Amino acid sequence: MELVVADIGGTHARFAIASVESGRVLRLSDPVTLHAQEHASFQLAWEAFALQLGRPLPHAAAIAIAGPTQGDVLRMANNPWIIRPALIPEKLGAARYTVVNDFAAVAYAVAALDPQYLRHVGGPDRPLPTTGTITVLGPGTGLGVALLHRAAGRITVVETEGGHIDFAPLDAIEDRVLAHMRQRYRRVSVERIVSGPGLANLYEALGAIEGQAVQTGDDKALWVSALQGTDPLAAAALDRFCLSLGSLAGDLALVQGSFGVAIAGGVGLRIADHLPRSGFEQRFLAKGRFESRMATIPVKLVTHPQPGLYGAAAAFAQEHGV
C-alpha cells in the first residue's frame, strides 16, 4: 500500500510517498523539502506537498516529528506548528496514521535498512546483531538518542532524551572547555558539544584556551575549514568533537546494554571519512574494566539519505501490520 511520509524538523518539513508491503518498505519517492517558516501550519504544508505532487494523496500517513509524541496536542522544538493526532483523519484525509518521534523513526530505519546503508566505522567488521539491543544516536541540529531492541522476530523502539545528559570531561583540556562553556550555559549537556552547533562551541572554547579571539558566525564555513584542515583551531575542535562522540557512544552502549551502535544524522554523514581516523574508537573503547566488552561491539554509520522518512514508513508498517 501507499502512504504519505513526513519528517518534520525545526527548519524543514520533508515529504515523500512510500510503498510498504509485508512489513517492509518497498519504495520511497524522491523527497520534497519545504521550509517550515513559509507555511502557517502542518496542514498547509501537507496541502502544498499535494499540490507539488500533482495527484491525490494516499489515505494513510506516517509522520515523524522533532518532539514528544504523547498527548492530545503535539508541539515541536523550534517549530511553531502543532499537531492534534485525533484530527489527522479529518484534516489530512488519512484514515490510518502513525505519529513517531523523529529519532525513533531513525531507529526503525536502522532495523529495516539494507546493510549497504550501514557503513562500518568501528569495532568488529560484522553486521549489527539480529537479536538484543542496538544504540542509535545522531548529531545534527541537536542530538538524538533512541534504543532499538530485537527479540523473537520483533522490534521495539524506545525514544529517549539521551542527548540532554551532562557533558562529562575526560581530560584536562575538556575540563577547561567545560569551565568556559559554564560561563554561557547554566548546565552544559552533551548536546552542547556533540551536535552541529557544538563545533562552534568547541571552537570558541579552544580559542579562549589558546588566547585567540575567534568568530563563529557561519557554522557551515567552520565545518568546511575543520574538515579541510585549513584552520588549525577548527581542526582541533573537530578532533575534540570526535573524541566526545566516541565517549558518548560508548557510555550509551554501556547504559543500554547494547550489542551494536548506529550513528545517524547530518553531522554523521559530514564526518564519515574523518571518523575512522580520529580518536573516536579509542574513546569508545576506553571504559576501564569493560574495554574487552566494548571491543566486541560493531559501530555503523547510517548513510541512507532519508532515514527519517524511511523509518516513519517502517514504523507505520509495523504498527498497522501491512
Protein backbone atom coordinates (compact mmCIF):
# COMPACT_ATOMS: atom_id res chain seq x y z
CA MET A 1 0.00 0.00 0.00
CA GLU A 2 0.98 3.63 -0.45
CA LEU A 3 1.21 6.25 2.26
CA VAL A 4 2.45 9.79 2.76
CA VAL A 5 5.54 10.03 4.94
CA ALA A 6 6.64 13.27 6.58
CA ASP A 7 9.71 14.19 8.63
CA ILE A 8 9.17 17.50 10.42
CA GLY A 9 12.06 19.37 12.00
CA GLY A 10 12.59 22.88 13.26
CA THR A 11 13.62 24.28 9.88
CA HIS A 12 12.37 21.87 7.22
CA ALA A 13 9.46 19.54 6.59
CA ARG A 14 10.22 16.67 4.22
CA PHE A 15 7.50 14.72 2.43
CA ALA A 16 7.51 11.65 0.21
CA ILE A 17 5.32 8.76 -0.92
CA ALA A 18 6.26 5.34 0.44
CA SER A 19 5.12 1.86 -0.57
CA VAL A 20 5.01 -0.82 2.13
CA GLU A 21 4.12 -4.50 1.95
CA SER A 22 4.51 -7.45 4.32
CA GLY A 23 6.14 -5.24 6.94
CA ARG A 24 8.78 -3.92 4.53
CA VAL A 25 9.39 -0.58 2.86
CA LEU A 26 9.49 -1.32 -0.85
CA ARG A 27 9.93 2.16 -2.26
CA LEU A 28 10.44 5.76 -1.20
CA SER A 29 9.87 8.53 -3.71
CA ASP A 30 12.21 11.49 -4.07
CA PRO A 31 11.55 13.78 -1.11
CA VAL A 32 10.02 17.24 -1.34
CA THR A 33 11.57 19.64 1.17
CA LEU A 34 9.56 22.63 2.38
CA HIS A 35 10.68 25.46 4.65
CA ALA A 36 8.55 25.37 7.78
CA GLN A 37 8.54 29.16 8.14
CA GLU A 38 6.88 29.50 4.73
CA HIS A 39 3.73 27.67 5.88
CA ALA A 40 1.47 28.64 8.74
CA SER A 41 0.57 25.09 9.74
CA PHE A 42 1.38 21.46 9.07
CA GLN A 43 -1.93 21.06 7.22
CA LEU A 44 -0.99 23.90 4.84
CA ALA A 45 2.44 22.34 4.24
CA TRP A 46 0.70 18.99 3.59
CA GLU A 47 -1.53 20.67 1.01
CA ALA A 48 1.49 22.36 -0.59
CA PHE A 49 3.11 18.94 -0.96
CA ALA A 50 -0.06 17.58 -2.58
CA LEU A 51 -0.04 20.49 -5.00
CA GLN A 52 3.58 19.81 -5.97
CA LEU A 53 2.86 16.09 -6.34
CA GLY A 54 0.03 16.85 -8.72
CA ARG A 55 -2.24 13.98 -7.70
CA PRO A 56 -4.47 13.00 -4.76
CA LEU A 57 -2.56 11.84 -1.69
CA PRO A 58 -2.95 8.32 -0.26
CA HIS A 59 -5.32 7.94 2.70
CA ALA A 60 -2.58 6.83 5.07
CA ALA A 61 0.24 8.74 6.74
CA ALA A 62 3.37 8.28 8.82
CA ILE A 63 4.61 11.45 10.48
CA ALA A 64 7.93 11.82 12.29
CA ILE A 65 8.20 14.94 14.47
CA ALA A 66 11.08 16.54 16.35
CA GLY A 67 9.44 16.35 19.74
CA PRO A 68 7.41 14.19 22.10
CA THR A 69 4.54 12.16 20.65
CA GLN A 70 2.38 11.76 23.76
CA GLY A 71 -0.66 13.91 24.43
CA ASP A 72 -3.62 15.42 22.60
CA VAL A 73 -1.60 18.36 21.25
CA LEU A 74 1.92 17.77 19.95
CA ARG A 75 4.41 20.63 19.86
CA MET A 76 7.83 20.58 18.24
CA ALA A 77 11.14 22.11 19.20
CA ASN A 78 11.99 25.21 17.14
CA ASN A 79 8.82 24.97 15.06
CA PRO A 80 5.54 26.77 15.88
CA TRP A 81 3.34 24.10 14.27
CA ILE A 82 1.13 21.90 16.40
CA ILE A 83 -0.38 18.54 15.52
CA ARG A 84 -3.56 17.11 17.02
CA PRO A 85 -3.40 13.38 16.23
CA ALA A 86 -7.15 12.88 16.72
CA LEU A 87 -7.83 15.36 13.90
CA ILE A 88 -5.46 13.78 11.35
CA PRO A 89 -8.22 11.77 9.59
CA GLU A 90 -10.41 14.87 9.28
CA LYS A 91 -7.75 17.46 8.41
CA LEU A 92 -5.41 15.35 6.27
CA GLY A 93 -7.76 12.69 4.95
CA ALA A 94 -5.56 9.92 6.40
CA ALA A 95 -7.81 7.19 7.78
CA ARG A 96 -4.78 5.30 9.10
CA TYR A 97 -1.78 7.06 10.52
CA THR A 98 1.31 6.71 12.69
CA VAL A 99 3.00 9.53 14.60
CA VAL A 100 6.51 8.84 15.80
CA ASN A 101 9.39 10.81 17.27
CA ASP A 102 11.89 11.74 14.58
CA PHE A 103 14.75 9.82 16.14
CA ALA A 104 12.59 6.83 16.92
CA ALA A 105 11.92 6.84 13.17
CA VAL A 106 15.67 6.66 12.57
CA ALA A 107 15.83 3.61 14.86
CA TYR A 108 13.07 1.93 12.84
CA ALA A 109 15.13 2.69 9.74
CA VAL A 110 18.22 1.06 11.25
CA ALA A 111 16.16 -2.10 11.84
CA ALA A 112 14.84 -2.17 8.27
CA LEU A 113 17.62 -0.81 6.06
CA ASP A 114 19.66 -2.93 3.70
CA PRO A 115 23.23 -3.38 5.10
CA GLN A 116 24.60 -1.33 2.19
CA TYR A 117 23.33 1.75 4.05
CA LEU A 118 25.23 0.89 7.25
CA ARG A 119 28.88 1.84 6.81
CA HIS A 120 31.40 0.29 9.18
CA VAL A 121 33.28 2.85 11.31
CA GLY A 122 34.49 0.94 14.38
CA GLY A 123 34.65 -2.31 16.28
CA PRO A 124 34.49 -5.73 14.62
CA ASP A 125 33.58 -5.53 10.94
CA ARG A 126 30.36 -7.54 11.05
CA PRO A 127 26.64 -6.71 10.69
CA LEU A 128 24.60 -5.26 13.52
CA PRO A 129 23.13 -8.03 15.67
CA THR A 130 19.75 -9.54 14.79
CA THR A 131 18.87 -10.00 18.48
CA GLY A 132 19.43 -7.80 21.50
CA THR A 133 19.79 -4.05 21.86
CA ILE A 134 21.29 -1.52 19.47
CA THR A 135 22.07 2.06 20.49
CA VAL A 136 21.06 4.64 17.89
CA LEU A 137 22.37 8.19 18.19
CA GLY A 138 22.69 11.09 15.83
CA PRO A 139 24.28 14.53 15.99
CA GLY A 140 22.50 17.06 13.81
CA THR A 141 20.90 20.35 14.76
CA GLY A 142 20.50 18.66 18.14
CA LEU A 143 21.46 15.23 19.42
CA GLY A 144 19.02 12.35 19.09
CA VAL A 145 19.21 9.09 21.02
CA ALA A 146 17.00 6.01 20.77
CA LEU A 147 17.11 2.35 21.70
CA LEU A 148 16.33 -0.46 19.26
CA HIS A 149 15.67 -3.94 20.67
CA ARG A 150 15.23 -7.07 18.56
CA ALA A 151 13.79 -10.27 20.01
CA ALA A 152 11.71 -13.19 18.70
CA GLY A 153 11.48 -11.64 15.24
CA ARG A 154 10.00 -8.37 16.52
CA ILE A 155 11.50 -4.96 17.12
CA THR A 156 10.84 -2.47 19.88
CA VAL A 157 11.95 1.15 19.65
CA VAL A 158 12.27 3.36 22.72
CA GLU A 159 12.66 7.09 22.17
CA THR A 160 14.81 8.85 24.76
CA GLU A 161 16.20 12.27 25.64
CA GLY A 162 19.72 10.91 25.96
CA GLY A 163 21.14 13.91 24.15
CA HIS A 164 20.46 16.01 27.24
CA ILE A 165 22.61 14.12 29.73
CA ASP A 166 25.52 16.02 31.27
CA PHE A 167 28.72 16.54 29.33
CA ALA A 168 31.48 14.62 31.12
CA PRO A 169 35.05 15.89 30.52
CA LEU A 170 37.71 13.19 30.43
CA ASP A 171 40.97 15.14 30.30
CA ALA A 172 42.44 18.49 31.30
CA ILE A 173 41.52 20.20 28.03
CA GLU A 174 37.90 19.12 28.33
CA ASP A 175 37.91 20.36 31.95
CA ARG A 176 38.77 23.80 30.59
CA VAL A 177 36.22 23.51 27.77
CA LEU A 178 33.53 22.78 30.35
CA ALA A 179 34.62 25.67 32.56
CA HIS A 180 34.46 28.04 29.59
CA MET A 181 31.02 26.84 28.49
CA ARG A 182 29.62 27.20 32.01
CA GLN A 183 30.06 30.93 31.59
CA ARG A 184 27.34 30.81 28.89
CA TYR A 185 25.12 27.90 29.90
CA ARG A 186 23.70 27.20 33.33
CA ARG A 187 24.00 23.49 32.56
CA VAL A 188 26.23 22.01 29.86
CA SER A 189 24.56 18.99 28.29
CA VAL A 190 26.40 16.70 25.90
CA GLU A 191 24.26 18.15 23.08
CA ARG A 192 26.18 21.42 23.53
CA ILE A 193 29.26 19.53 22.31
CA VAL A 194 28.08 16.64 20.14
CA SER A 195 25.84 18.40 17.58
CA GLY A 196 26.18 20.63 14.55
CA PRO A 197 26.35 23.83 16.65
CA GLY A 198 28.63 22.01 19.11
CA LEU A 199 31.64 22.50 16.82
CA ALA A 200 31.32 26.29 17.21
CA ASN A 201 31.11 25.90 20.99
CA LEU A 202 34.30 23.84 20.95
CA TYR A 203 35.98 26.31 18.59
CA GLU A 204 35.21 29.23 20.90
CA ALA A 205 36.34 27.33 23.99
CA LEU A 206 39.62 26.22 22.41
CA GLY A 207 40.16 29.78 21.16
CA ALA A 208 39.80 31.04 24.72
CA ILE A 209 42.27 28.41 25.95
CA GLU A 210 44.75 29.48 23.24
CA GLY A 211 44.16 33.19 23.88
CA GLN A 212 42.75 33.69 20.38
CA ALA A 213 39.73 35.81 19.55
CA VAL A 214 37.55 33.82 17.15
CA GLN A 215 34.43 34.49 15.10
CA THR A 216 31.88 31.66 14.73
CA GLY A 217 29.04 33.26 12.81
CA ASP A 218 28.98 30.79 9.90
CA ASP A 219 28.65 27.19 11.11
CA LYS A 220 28.83 25.76 7.59
CA ALA A 221 32.10 27.54 6.82
CA LEU A 222 33.52 26.41 10.16
CA TRP A 223 32.73 22.77 9.38
CA VAL A 224 34.35 23.09 5.94
CA SER A 225 37.55 24.59 7.36
CA ALA A 226 37.64 21.94 10.10
CA LEU A 227 37.26 19.05 7.67
CA GLN A 228 39.72 20.52 5.17
CA GLY A 229 42.23 21.39 7.90
CA THR A 230 42.67 24.95 6.64
CA ASP A 231 42.11 26.37 10.14
CA PRO A 232 44.22 24.56 12.78
CA LEU A 233 41.93 25.66 15.60
CA ALA A 234 38.84 24.39 13.75
CA ALA A 235 40.65 21.10 13.06
CA ALA A 236 41.42 20.80 16.78
CA ALA A 237 37.76 21.44 17.57
CA LEU A 238 36.77 18.66 15.16
CA ASP A 239 39.19 16.27 16.87
CA ARG A 240 37.58 17.12 20.20
CA PHE A 241 34.15 16.61 18.68
CA CYS A 242 35.05 13.08 17.53
CA LEU A 243 36.56 12.23 20.92
CA SER A 244 33.38 13.32 22.69
CA LEU A 245 31.20 11.44 20.21
CA GLY A 246 33.21 8.28 20.89
CA SER A 247 32.92 8.71 24.66
CA LEU A 248 29.19 9.30 24.43
CA ALA A 249 28.54 6.37 22.09
CA GLY A 250 30.42 4.07 24.45
CA ASP A 251 28.60 5.39 27.53
CA LEU A 252 25.21 4.90 25.88
CA ALA A 253 26.13 1.37 24.81
CA LEU A 254 27.02 0.54 28.42
CA VAL A 255 23.85 2.13 29.82
CA GLN A 256 21.58 0.39 27.30
CA GLY A 257 23.37 -2.96 27.34
CA SER A 258 23.92 -2.74 23.60
CA PHE A 259 25.48 -5.21 21.20
CA GLY A 260 25.70 -2.70 18.36
CA VAL A 261 25.76 1.06 17.76
CA ALA A 262 24.40 3.03 14.80
CA ILE A 263 25.23 6.70 14.22
CA ALA A 264 22.87 8.76 12.06
CA GLY A 265 22.19 12.42 11.39
CA GLY A 266 23.57 15.03 9.04
CA VAL A 267 26.75 15.56 11.04
CA GLY A 268 27.49 11.85 10.96
CA LEU A 269 27.44 11.90 7.16
CA ARG A 270 29.60 15.02 7.17
CA ILE A 271 32.37 13.34 9.19
CA ALA A 272 32.04 9.87 7.64
CA ASP A 273 35.54 9.85 6.16
CA HIS A 274 37.14 11.59 9.14
CA LEU A 275 35.64 9.49 11.91
CA PRO A 276 37.57 6.21 11.36
CA ARG A 277 40.92 8.02 11.53
CA SER A 278 40.00 10.20 14.52
CA GLY A 279 40.17 9.37 18.21
CA PHE A 280 36.54 8.16 18.12
CA GLU A 281 37.24 4.45 18.50
CA GLN A 282 39.87 4.92 21.21
CA ARG A 283 37.39 6.85 23.34
CA PHE A 284 34.59 4.37 22.55
CA LEU A 285 36.71 1.53 23.91
CA ALA A 286 38.12 3.37 26.93
CA LYS A 287 35.70 2.03 29.54
CA GLY A 288 38.10 0.57 32.09
CA ARG A 289 37.20 -2.98 33.09
CA PHE A 290 34.71 -3.15 30.21
CA GLU A 291 37.17 -2.48 27.38
CA SER A 292 37.08 -6.11 26.26
CA ARG A 293 33.29 -5.99 26.02
CA MET A 294 33.38 -2.69 24.12
CA ALA A 295 35.75 -4.27 21.61
CA THR A 296 33.01 -6.74 20.60
CA ILE A 297 30.52 -4.01 19.58
CA PRO A 298 30.25 -3.09 15.87
CA VAL A 299 29.69 0.60 15.16
CA LYS A 300 27.94 1.61 11.93
CA LEU A 301 27.18 4.91 10.23
CA VAL A 302 23.75 5.27 8.60
CA THR A 303 24.30 6.50 5.04
CA HIS A 304 20.72 6.40 3.74
CA PRO A 305 19.83 9.93 2.56
CA GLN A 306 16.40 9.99 4.25
CA PRO A 307 16.37 7.69 7.30
CA GLY A 308 13.60 9.72 8.96
CA LEU A 309 11.18 9.24 6.07
CA TYR A 310 12.19 5.62 5.55
CA GLY A 311 11.87 4.88 9.26
CA ALA A 312 8.47 6.57 9.53
CA ALA A 313 7.23 4.24 6.79
CA ALA A 314 8.75 1.24 8.59
CA ALA A 315 7.06 2.30 11.85
CA PHE A 316 3.70 2.54 10.05
CA ALA A 317 4.16 -0.94 8.55
CA GLN A 318 4.84 -2.41 11.99
CA GLU A 319 2.02 -0.60 13.80
CA HIS A 320 -0.63 -1.41 11.18
CA GLY A 321 0.61 -4.85 10.18
CA VAL A 322 0.88 -4.09 6.47
